[in-house]
């Protein structure tokens, strides 16, 4: 290390008094000329996104913003708000709930799509068998405890993928993979199995060329909008030290 400036190295921002460049662009040239979704993509990937591809990326961000107070991330943020913390702490509380089970399924679904894609069109059955042998019986991105037949977000997102694929903006192959997995699950279970929001957004991120970990990162960005909205709403409603259930309900004691 020749100088203390080498302690941190970045290609994201270059700055000095009176000048800010993000990914090589003067900030004043970006303001008013990039949407927030386009700015997210530029900052994270270092590449520009525009036209139907940008619209598709934004649609994925819009679709995942919220799923109500029963979602652990939202519930935790609302409870934190009633404990007297500020919005930033409430948001951090909610975001920290987005782990492998709640929030990580998009990353896992994208990894599953890549796994199936490598197997080729005729290798779906074997690909799902090998996935389950390594990861367990659950296929991430499919099934929903609340939307048991159709997650209303998924068909619309797949419709948008099809439309962009027709323009050549994305290949469209991952939309086909997602549908093929869904159909295979329906045959296996003997009933419809919905593609959920994680599976649908993972299709979009796969079509856009994202590595799997970014699916979780983008989901967290999207869900932070709902976390902020619920945290702010709870601030307006008031309440003190609200727990997960009303106080008249008690827990089960299993001790002696």
C-alpha atoms as a PDB file:
ATOM      1  CA  UNK A   1       0.000   0.000   0.000  1.00  0.00           C
ATOM      2  CA  UNK A   2       1.628   3.217  -1.165  1.00  0.00           C
ATOM      3  CA  UNK A   3      -0.785   5.627   0.430  1.00  0.00           C
ATOM      4  CA  UNK A   4      -3.666   5.717   2.887  1.00  0.00           C
ATOM      5  CA  UNK A   5      -6.031   6.378  -0.039  1.00  0.00           C
ATOM      6  CA  UNK A   6      -5.481   2.777  -1.154  1.00  0.00           C
ATOM      7  CA  UNK A   7      -7.145   1.546   2.052  1.00  0.00           C
ATOM      8  CA  UNK A   8     -10.475   1.631   0.172  1.00  0.00           C
ATOM      9  CA  UNK A   9     -10.689   0.993  -3.548  1.00  0.00           C
ATOM     10  CA  UNK A  10     -13.852   1.579  -5.586  1.00  0.00           C
ATOM     11  CA  UNK A  11     -15.050   2.004  -9.127  1.00  0.00           C
ATOM     12  CA  UNK A  12     -18.366   3.373  -7.916  1.00  0.00           C
ATOM     13  CA  UNK A  13     -17.657   6.949  -6.891  1.00  0.00           C
ATOM     14  CA  UNK A  14     -14.991   9.564  -7.577  1.00  0.00           C
ATOM     15  CA  UNK A  15     -15.334  12.746  -5.576  1.00  0.00           C
ATOM     16  CA  UNK A  16     -13.555  15.915  -4.581  1.00  0.00           C
ATOM     17  CA  UNK A  17     -14.844  19.294  -3.383  1.00  0.00           C
ATOM     18  CA  UNK A  18     -17.389  20.530  -5.909  1.00  0.00           C
ATOM     19  CA  UNK A  19     -17.363  17.340  -7.997  1.00  0.00           C
ATOM     20  CA  UNK A  20     -19.204  14.006  -7.684  1.00  0.00           C
ATOM     21  CA  UNK A  21     -18.925  11.315 -10.349  1.00  0.00           C
ATOM     22  CA  UNK A  22     -20.889   8.068 -10.028  1.00  0.00           C
ATOM     23  CA  UNK A  23     -19.723   5.240 -12.281  1.00  0.00           C
ATOM     24  CA  UNK A  24     -17.965   7.866 -14.387  1.00  0.00           C
ATOM     25  CA  UNK A  25     -21.018  10.129 -14.758  1.00  0.00           C
ATOM     26  CA  UNK A  26     -21.223  13.609 -13.211  1.00  0.00           C
ATOM     27  CA  UNK A  27     -24.042  13.530 -10.686  1.00  0.00           C
ATOM     28  CA  UNK A  28     -25.631  16.591 -12.281  1.00  0.00           C
ATOM     29  CA  UNK A  29     -25.933  14.665 -15.566  1.00  0.00           C
ATOM     30  CA  UNK A  30     -27.701  11.799 -13.816  1.00  0.00           C
ATOM     31  CA  UNK A  31     -30.178  13.897 -11.841  1.00  0.00           C
ATOM     32  CA  UNK A  32     -33.349  14.222 -13.881  1.00  0.00           C
ATOM     33  CA  UNK A  33     -32.058  11.862 -16.581  1.00  0.00           C
ATOM     34  CA  UNK A  34     -32.120   8.493 -14.778  1.00  0.00           C
ATOM     35  CA  UNK A  35     -35.029   6.901 -12.988  1.00  0.00           C
ATOM     36  CA  UNK A  36     -34.405   5.519  -9.524  1.00  0.00           C
ATOM     37  CA  UNK A  37     -34.510   1.971 -10.924  1.00  0.00           C
ATOM     38  CA  UNK A  38     -31.970   2.882 -13.607  1.00  0.00           C
ATOM     39  CA  UNK A  39     -29.775   4.450 -10.953  1.00  0.00           C
ATOM     40  CA  UNK A  40     -29.921   1.310  -8.818  1.00  0.00           C
ATOM     41  CA  UNK A  41     -28.854  -0.801 -11.775  1.00  0.00           C
ATOM     42  CA  UNK A  42     -26.019   1.568 -12.720  1.00  0.00           C
ATOM     43  CA  UNK A  43     -24.688   1.767  -9.172  1.00  0.00           C
ATOM     44  CA  UNK A  44     -24.827  -1.968  -8.506  1.00  0.00           C
ATOM     45  CA  UNK A  45     -23.743  -3.407 -11.863  1.00  0.00           C
ATOM     46  CA  UNK A  46     -21.762  -0.522 -13.359  1.00  0.00           C
ATOM     47  CA  UNK A  47     -23.829  -0.833 -16.531  1.00  0.00           C
ATOM     48  CA  UNK A  48     -26.602   1.216 -18.072  1.00  0.00           C
ATOM     49  CA  UNK A  49     -30.113  -0.170 -18.402  1.00  0.00           C
ATOM     50  CA  UNK A  50     -32.830   1.462 -20.477  1.00  0.00           C
ATOM     51  CA  UNK A  51     -35.956   0.876 -22.507  1.00  0.00           C
ATOM     52  CA  UNK A  52     -37.942  -2.337 -21.983  1.00  0.00           C
ATOM     53  CA  UNK A  53     -35.163  -3.878 -19.894  1.00  0.00           C
ATOM     54  CA  UNK A  54     -35.292  -0.990 -17.443  1.00  0.00           C
ATOM     55  CA  UNK A  55     -39.083  -1.212 -17.343  1.00  0.00           C
ATOM     56  CA  UNK A  56     -38.828  -4.926 -16.568  1.00  0.00           C
ATOM     57  CA  UNK A  57     -36.351  -4.332 -13.754  1.00  0.00           C
ATOM     58  CA  UNK A  58     -38.560  -1.624 -12.288  1.00  0.00           C
ATOM     59  CA  UNK A  59     -41.609  -3.911 -12.483  1.00  0.00           C
ATOM     60  CA  UNK A  60     -39.792  -6.481 -10.349  1.00  0.00           C
ATOM     61  CA  UNK A  61     -38.936  -3.823  -7.774  1.00  0.00           C
ATOM     62  CA  UNK A  62     -42.541  -2.577  -7.698  1.00  0.00           C
ATOM     63  CA  UNK A  63     -44.033  -6.055  -7.323  1.00  0.00           C
ATOM     64  CA  UNK A  64     -42.153  -7.028  -4.161  1.00  0.00           C
ATOM     65  CA  UNK A  65     -42.607  -3.884  -2.059  1.00  0.00           C
ATOM     66  CA  UNK A  66     -44.989  -5.313   0.544  1.00  0.00           C
ATOM     67  CA  UNK A  67     -46.935  -8.321   1.712  1.00  0.00           C
ATOM     68  CA  UNK A  68     -48.631  -7.019   4.830  1.00  0.00           C
ATOM     69  CA  UNK A  69     -48.033  -7.146   8.597  1.00  0.00           C
ATOM     70  CA  UNK A  70     -48.005 -10.953   8.607  1.00  0.00           C
ATOM     71  CA  UNK A  71     -44.658 -10.823   6.787  1.00  0.00           C
ATOM     72  CA  UNK A  72     -41.986 -11.086   9.508  1.00  0.00           C
ATOM     73  CA  UNK A  73     -39.943  -8.182   8.137  1.00  0.00           C
ATOM     74  CA  UNK A  74     -42.952  -5.859   8.236  1.00  0.00           C
ATOM     75  CA  UNK A  75     -44.182  -7.095  11.621  1.00  0.00           C
ATOM     76  CA  UNK A  76     -40.755  -6.645  13.171  1.00  0.00           C
ATOM     77  CA  UNK A  77     -40.452  -3.105  11.830  1.00  0.00           C
ATOM     78  CA  UNK A  78     -43.872  -2.156  13.170  1.00  0.00           C
ATOM     79  CA  UNK A  79     -43.109  -3.642  16.594  1.00  0.00           C
ATOM     80  CA  UNK A  80     -39.777  -1.810  16.670  1.00  0.00           C
ATOM     81  CA  UNK A  81     -41.561   1.471  15.905  1.00  0.00           C
ATOM     82  CA  UNK A  82     -43.745   1.078  19.004  1.00  0.00           C
ATOM     83  CA  UNK A  83     -40.608   0.694  21.119  1.00  0.00           C
ATOM     84  CA  UNK A  84     -39.640   4.312  20.536  1.00  0.00           C
ATOM     85  CA  UNK A  85     -36.899   3.884  17.923  1.00  0.00           C
ATOM     86  CA  UNK A  86     -36.572   6.100  14.850  1.00  0.00           C
ATOM     87  CA  UNK A  87     -37.507   5.178  11.309  1.00  0.00           C
ATOM     88  CA  UNK A  88     -33.982   4.130  10.430  1.00  0.00           C
ATOM     89  CA  UNK A  89     -33.836   1.673  13.344  1.00  0.00           C
ATOM     90  CA  UNK A  90     -37.275   0.306  12.536  1.00  0.00           C
ATOM     91  CA  UNK A  91     -36.229  -0.211   8.918  1.00  0.00           C
ATOM     92  CA  UNK A  92     -32.999  -1.895   9.975  1.00  0.00           C
ATOM     93  CA  UNK A  93     -34.969  -4.213  12.259  1.00  0.00           C
ATOM     94  CA  UNK A  94     -37.219  -5.257   9.382  1.00  0.00           C
ATOM     95  CA  UNK A  95     -34.403  -5.637   6.863  1.00  0.00           C
ATOM     96  CA  UNK A  96     -32.444  -7.806   9.267  1.00  0.00           C
ATOM     97  CA  UNK A  97     -35.336 -10.305   9.173  1.00  0.00           C
ATOM     98  CA  UNK A  98     -34.721 -10.988   5.482  1.00  0.00           C
ATOM     99  CA  UNK A  99     -32.715 -14.189   5.781  1.00  0.00           C
ATOM    100  CA  UNK A 100     -32.485 -17.485   3.947  1.00  0.00           C
ATOM    101  CA  UNK A 101     -36.145 -18.371   4.627  1.00  0.00           C
ATOM    102  CA  UNK A 102     -37.858 -14.964   4.513  1.00  0.00           C
ATOM    103  CA  UNK A 103     -36.210 -12.997   1.728  1.00  0.00           C
ATOM    104  CA  UNK A 104     -33.705 -15.501   0.420  1.00  0.00           C
ATOM    105  CA  UNK A 105     -35.993 -17.558  -1.800  1.00  0.00           C
ATOM    106  CA  UNK A 106     -35.441 -15.262  -4.781  1.00  0.00           C
ATOM    107  CA  UNK A 107     -31.712 -15.917  -4.688  1.00  0.00           C
ATOM    108  CA  UNK A 108     -32.364 -19.643  -4.304  1.00  0.00           C
ATOM    109  CA  UNK A 109     -34.907 -19.639  -7.146  1.00  0.00           C
ATOM    110  CA  UNK A 110     -32.461 -17.910  -9.469  1.00  0.00           C
ATOM    111  CA  UNK A 111     -29.836 -20.518  -8.588  1.00  0.00           C
ATOM    112  CA  UNK A 112     -32.430 -23.212  -9.348  1.00  0.00           C
ATOM    113  CA  UNK A 113     -33.165 -21.660 -12.754  1.00  0.00           C
ATOM    114  CA  UNK A 114     -29.459 -21.603 -13.582  1.00  0.00           C
ATOM    115  CA  UNK A 115     -29.228 -25.255 -12.514  1.00  0.00           C
ATOM    116  CA  UNK A 116     -32.129 -26.239 -14.786  1.00  0.00           C
ATOM    117  CA  UNK A 117     -30.771 -24.126 -17.642  1.00  0.00           C
ATOM    118  CA  UNK A 118     -27.448 -25.969 -17.520  1.00  0.00           C
ATOM    119  CA  UNK A 119     -29.319 -29.285 -17.782  1.00  0.00           C
ATOM    120  CA  UNK A 120     -30.921 -28.283 -21.067  1.00  0.00           C
ATOM    121  CA  UNK A 121     -34.526 -28.534 -22.342  1.00  0.00           C
ATOM    122  CA  UNK A 122     -34.725 -32.307 -21.947  1.00  0.00           C
ATOM    123  CA  UNK A 123     -33.118 -32.450 -18.534  1.00  0.00           C
ATOM    124  CA  UNK A 124     -35.789 -30.860 -16.332  1.00  0.00           C
ATOM    125  CA  UNK A 125     -36.738 -33.981 -14.390  1.00  0.00           C
ATOM    126  CA  UNK A 126     -33.161 -34.983 -13.650  1.00  0.00           C
ATOM    127  CA  UNK A 127     -32.239 -31.399 -12.802  1.00  0.00           C
ATOM    128  CA  UNK A 128     -35.033 -31.160 -10.235  1.00  0.00           C
ATOM    129  CA  UNK A 129     -34.054 -34.535  -8.772  1.00  0.00           C
ATOM    130  CA  UNK A 130     -30.427 -33.498  -8.349  1.00  0.00           C
ATOM    131  CA  UNK A 131     -31.476 -30.154  -6.883  1.00  0.00           C
ATOM    132  CA  UNK A 132     -33.686 -31.859  -4.309  1.00  0.00           C
ATOM    133  CA  UNK A 133     -30.997 -34.388  -3.468  1.00  0.00           C
ATOM    134  CA  UNK A 134     -28.688 -31.529  -2.519  1.00  0.00           C
ATOM    135  CA  UNK A 135     -31.104 -28.924  -1.148  1.00  0.00           C
ATOM    136  CA  UNK A 136     -34.157 -30.843   0.059  1.00  0.00           C
ATOM    137  CA  UNK A 137     -37.668 -31.341  -1.355  1.00  0.00           C
ATOM    138  CA  UNK A 138     -38.720 -27.676  -1.393  1.00  0.00           C
ATOM    139  CA  UNK A 139     -38.333 -25.882  -4.727  1.00  0.00           C
ATOM    140  CA  UNK A 140     -37.750 -22.167  -4.023  1.00  0.00           C
ATOM    141  CA  UNK A 141     -39.994 -19.742  -5.865  1.00  0.00           C
ATOM    142  CA  UNK A 142     -43.058 -22.000  -5.917  1.00  0.00           C
ATOM    143  CA  UNK A 143     -45.957 -22.414  -3.526  1.00  0.00           C
ATOM    144  CA  UNK A 144     -47.413 -19.859  -1.134  1.00  0.00           C
ATOM    145  CA  UNK A 145     -49.058 -20.293   2.252  1.00  0.00           C
ATOM    146  CA  UNK A 146     -51.533 -17.464   1.554  1.00  0.00           C
ATOM    147  CA  UNK A 147     -51.944 -17.399  -2.254  1.00  0.00           C
ATOM    148  CA  UNK A 148     -52.518 -21.125  -2.539  1.00  0.00           C
ATOM    149  CA  UNK A 149     -53.576 -21.227  -6.199  1.00  0.00           C
ATOM    150  CA  UNK A 150     -52.287 -18.009  -7.792  1.00  0.00           C
ATOM    151  CA  UNK A 151     -49.916 -15.341  -6.562  1.00  0.00           C
ATOM    152  CA  UNK A 152     -51.402 -12.349  -8.413  1.00  0.00           C
ATOM    153  CA  UNK A 153     -47.977 -10.810  -8.951  1.00  0.00           C
ATOM    154  CA  UNK A 154     -46.420 -13.707 -10.845  1.00  0.00           C
ATOM    155  CA  UNK A 155     -48.625 -13.910 -13.988  1.00  0.00           C
ATOM    156  CA  UNK A 156     -48.281 -10.177 -14.583  1.00  0.00           C
ATOM    157  CA  UNK A 157     -44.497 -10.277 -14.251  1.00  0.00           C
ATOM    158  CA  UNK A 158     -44.252 -13.256 -16.615  1.00  0.00           C
ATOM    159  CA  UNK A 159     -46.490 -11.411 -19.061  1.00  0.00           C
ATOM    160  CA  UNK A 160     -44.050  -8.504 -19.010  1.00  0.00           C
ATOM    161  CA  UNK A 161     -41.103 -10.876 -19.528  1.00  0.00           C
ATOM    162  CA  UNK A 162     -42.843 -12.311 -22.596  1.00  0.00           C
ATOM    163  CA  UNK A 163     -43.443  -8.838 -23.989  1.00  0.00           C
ATOM    164  CA  UNK A 164     -39.803  -7.793 -23.571  1.00  0.00           C
ATOM    165  CA  UNK A 165     -38.609 -11.126 -24.987  1.00  0.00           C
ATOM    166  CA  UNK A 166     -40.630 -10.433 -28.135  1.00  0.00           C
ATOM    167  CA  UNK A 167     -38.599  -7.248 -28.646  1.00  0.00           C
ATOM    168  CA  UNK A 168     -35.324  -9.106 -28.139  1.00  0.00           C
ATOM    169  CA  UNK A 169     -34.592  -7.233 -24.931  1.00  0.00           C
ATOM    170  CA  UNK A 170     -34.256 -10.472 -22.943  1.00  0.00           C
ATOM    171  CA  UNK A 171     -33.908 -14.080 -24.122  1.00  0.00           C
ATOM    172  CA  UNK A 172     -37.186 -15.314 -22.618  1.00  0.00           C
ATOM    173  CA  UNK A 173     -35.691 -18.703 -21.758  1.00  0.00           C
ATOM    174  CA  UNK A 174     -35.949 -18.286 -17.990  1.00  0.00           C
ATOM    175  CA  UNK A 175     -39.631 -17.487 -18.242  1.00  0.00           C
ATOM    176  CA  UNK A 176     -40.026 -20.815 -20.025  1.00  0.00           C
ATOM    177  CA  UNK A 177     -37.974 -22.576 -17.339  1.00  0.00           C
ATOM    178  CA  UNK A 178     -40.136 -21.097 -14.581  1.00  0.00           C
ATOM    179  CA  UNK A 179     -43.317 -22.207 -16.296  1.00  0.00           C
ATOM    180  CA  UNK A 180     -41.899 -25.684 -16.923  1.00  0.00           C
ATOM    181  CA  UNK A 181     -41.052 -26.123 -13.230  1.00  0.00           C
ATOM    182  CA  UNK A 182     -44.516 -24.891 -12.253  1.00  0.00           C
ATOM    183  CA  UNK A 183     -46.174 -27.363 -14.642  1.00  0.00           C
ATOM    184  CA  UNK A 184     -44.019 -30.217 -13.371  1.00  0.00           C
ATOM    185  CA  UNK A 185     -44.962 -29.413  -9.776  1.00  0.00           C
ATOM    186  CA  UNK A 186     -48.659 -29.318 -10.699  1.00  0.00           C
ATOM    187  CA  UNK A 187     -48.393 -32.790 -12.242  1.00  0.00           C
ATOM    188  CA  UNK A 188     -46.526 -34.067  -9.202  1.00  0.00           C
ATOM    189  CA  UNK A 189     -48.976 -32.607  -6.659  1.00  0.00           C
ATOM    190  CA  UNK A 190     -52.108 -33.160  -8.701  1.00  0.00           C
ATOM    191  CA  UNK A 191     -53.187 -29.541  -8.195  1.00  0.00           C
ATOM    192  CA  UNK A 192     -52.035 -26.059  -9.205  1.00  0.00           C
ATOM    193  CA  UNK A 193     -48.858 -24.865  -7.497  1.00  0.00           C
ATOM    194  CA  UNK A 194     -48.389 -21.118  -7.863  1.00  0.00           C
ATOM    195  CA  UNK A 195     -45.163 -19.467  -8.829  1.00  0.00           C
ATOM    196  CA  UNK A 196     -44.708 -16.921  -6.064  1.00  0.00           C
ATOM    197  CA  UNK A 197     -43.153 -13.456  -6.027  1.00  0.00           C
ATOM    198  CA  UNK A 198     -39.688 -14.890  -5.396  1.00  0.00           C
ATOM    199  CA  UNK A 199     -39.948 -17.183  -8.389  1.00  0.00           C
ATOM    200  CA  UNK A 200     -41.328 -14.467 -10.648  1.00  0.00           C
ATOM    201  CA  UNK A 201     -38.797 -11.788  -9.748  1.00  0.00           C
ATOM    202  CA  UNK A 202     -36.034 -14.394 -10.025  1.00  0.00           C
ATOM    203  CA  UNK A 203     -37.178 -14.994 -13.619  1.00  0.00           C
ATOM    204  CA  UNK A 204     -36.727 -11.292 -14.343  1.00  0.00           C
ATOM    205  CA  UNK A 205     -33.339 -11.058 -12.658  1.00  0.00           C
ATOM    206  CA  UNK A 206     -32.188 -14.172 -14.532  1.00  0.00           C
ATOM    207  CA  UNK A 207     -33.414 -12.726 -17.828  1.00  0.00           C
ATOM    208  CA  UNK A 208     -31.443  -9.557 -17.080  1.00  0.00           C
ATOM    209  CA  UNK A 209     -28.283 -11.565 -16.447  1.00  0.00           C
ATOM    210  CA  UNK A 210     -28.004 -11.122 -12.669  1.00  0.00           C
ATOM    211  CA  UNK A 211     -25.967 -13.494 -10.519  1.00  0.00           C
ATOM    212  CA  UNK A 212     -28.082 -15.214  -7.889  1.00  0.00           C
ATOM    213  CA  UNK A 213     -27.000 -13.176  -4.817  1.00  0.00           C
ATOM    214  CA  UNK A 214     -28.222  -9.968  -6.443  1.00  0.00           C
ATOM    215  CA  UNK A 215     -31.771 -11.354  -6.468  1.00  0.00           C
ATOM    216  CA  UNK A 216     -31.793 -11.172  -2.683  1.00  0.00           C
ATOM    217  CA  UNK A 217     -30.156  -7.744  -2.691  1.00  0.00           C
ATOM    218  CA  UNK A 218     -32.729  -6.323  -5.093  1.00  0.00           C
ATOM    219  CA  UNK A 219     -35.554  -7.935  -3.130  1.00  0.00           C
ATOM    220  CA  UNK A 220     -34.275  -6.262   0.040  1.00  0.00           C
ATOM    221  CA  UNK A 221     -34.236  -2.910  -1.770  1.00  0.00           C
ATOM    222  CA  UNK A 222     -37.812  -3.445  -2.898  1.00  0.00           C
ATOM    223  CA  UNK A 223     -39.129  -4.676   0.448  1.00  0.00           C
ATOM    224  CA  UNK A 224     -37.476  -1.735   2.229  1.00  0.00           C
ATOM    225  CA  UNK A 225     -40.174   0.434   0.639  1.00  0.00           C
ATOM    226  CA  UNK A 226     -42.901  -1.546   2.393  1.00  0.00           C
ATOM    227  CA  UNK A 227     -40.898  -1.557   5.605  1.00  0.00           C
ATOM    228  CA  UNK A 228     -40.628   2.227   5.494  1.00  0.00           C
ATOM    229  CA  UNK A 229     -44.324   2.605   4.674  1.00  0.00           C
ATOM    230  CA  UNK A 230     -45.421   0.380   7.558  1.00  0.00           C
ATOM    231  CA  UNK A 231     -42.950   1.921   9.978  1.00  0.00           C
ATOM    232  CA  UNK A 232     -44.242   5.386   9.146  1.00  0.00           C
ATOM    233  CA  UNK A 233     -47.875   4.263   9.368  1.00  0.00           C
ATOM    234  CA  UNK A 234     -47.252   2.716  12.783  1.00  0.00           C
ATOM    235  CA  UNK A 235     -45.616   5.949  13.893  1.00  0.00           C
ATOM    236  CA  UNK A 236     -48.810   7.787  12.961  1.00  0.00           C
ATOM    237  CA  UNK A 237     -51.023   5.214  14.685  1.00  0.00           C
ATOM    238  CA  UNK A 238     -49.041   5.257  17.901  1.00  0.00           C
ATOM    239  CA  UNK A 239     -48.976   2.322  20.293  1.00  0.00           C
ATOM    240  CA  UNK A 240     -46.413   1.356  22.885  1.00  0.00           C
ATOM    241  CA  UNK A 241     -44.394  -1.832  23.103  1.00  0.00           C
ATOM    242  CA  UNK A 242     -46.685  -3.833  20.828  1.00  0.00           C
ATOM    243  CA  UNK A 243     -45.749  -7.492  20.724  1.00  0.00           C
ATOM    244  CA  UNK A 244     -46.584 -10.057  18.062  1.00  0.00           C
ATOM    245  CA  UNK A 245     -50.022 -10.808  19.576  1.00  0.00           C
ATOM    246  CA  UNK A 246     -52.613  -8.851  21.629  1.00  0.00           C
ATOM    247  CA  UNK A 247     -51.853  -8.909  25.370  1.00  0.00           C
ATOM    248  CA  UNK A 248     -54.850 -11.111  26.219  1.00  0.00           C
ATOM    249  CA  UNK A 249     -53.210 -13.980  24.336  1.00  0.00           C
ATOM    250  CA  UNK A 250     -50.561 -16.036  26.068  1.00  0.00           C
ATOM    251  CA  UNK A 251     -47.866 -18.391  24.963  1.00  0.00           C
ATOM    252  CA  UNK A 252     -47.637 -22.113  25.597  1.00  0.00           C
ATOM    253  CA  UNK A 253     -45.449 -22.968  28.546  1.00  0.00           C
ATOM    254  CA  UNK A 254     -43.670 -26.291  28.151  1.00  0.00           C
ATOM    255  CA  UNK A 255     -41.604 -26.236  31.319  1.00  0.00           C
ATOM    256  CA  UNK A 256     -42.148 -28.112  34.568  1.00  0.00           C
END
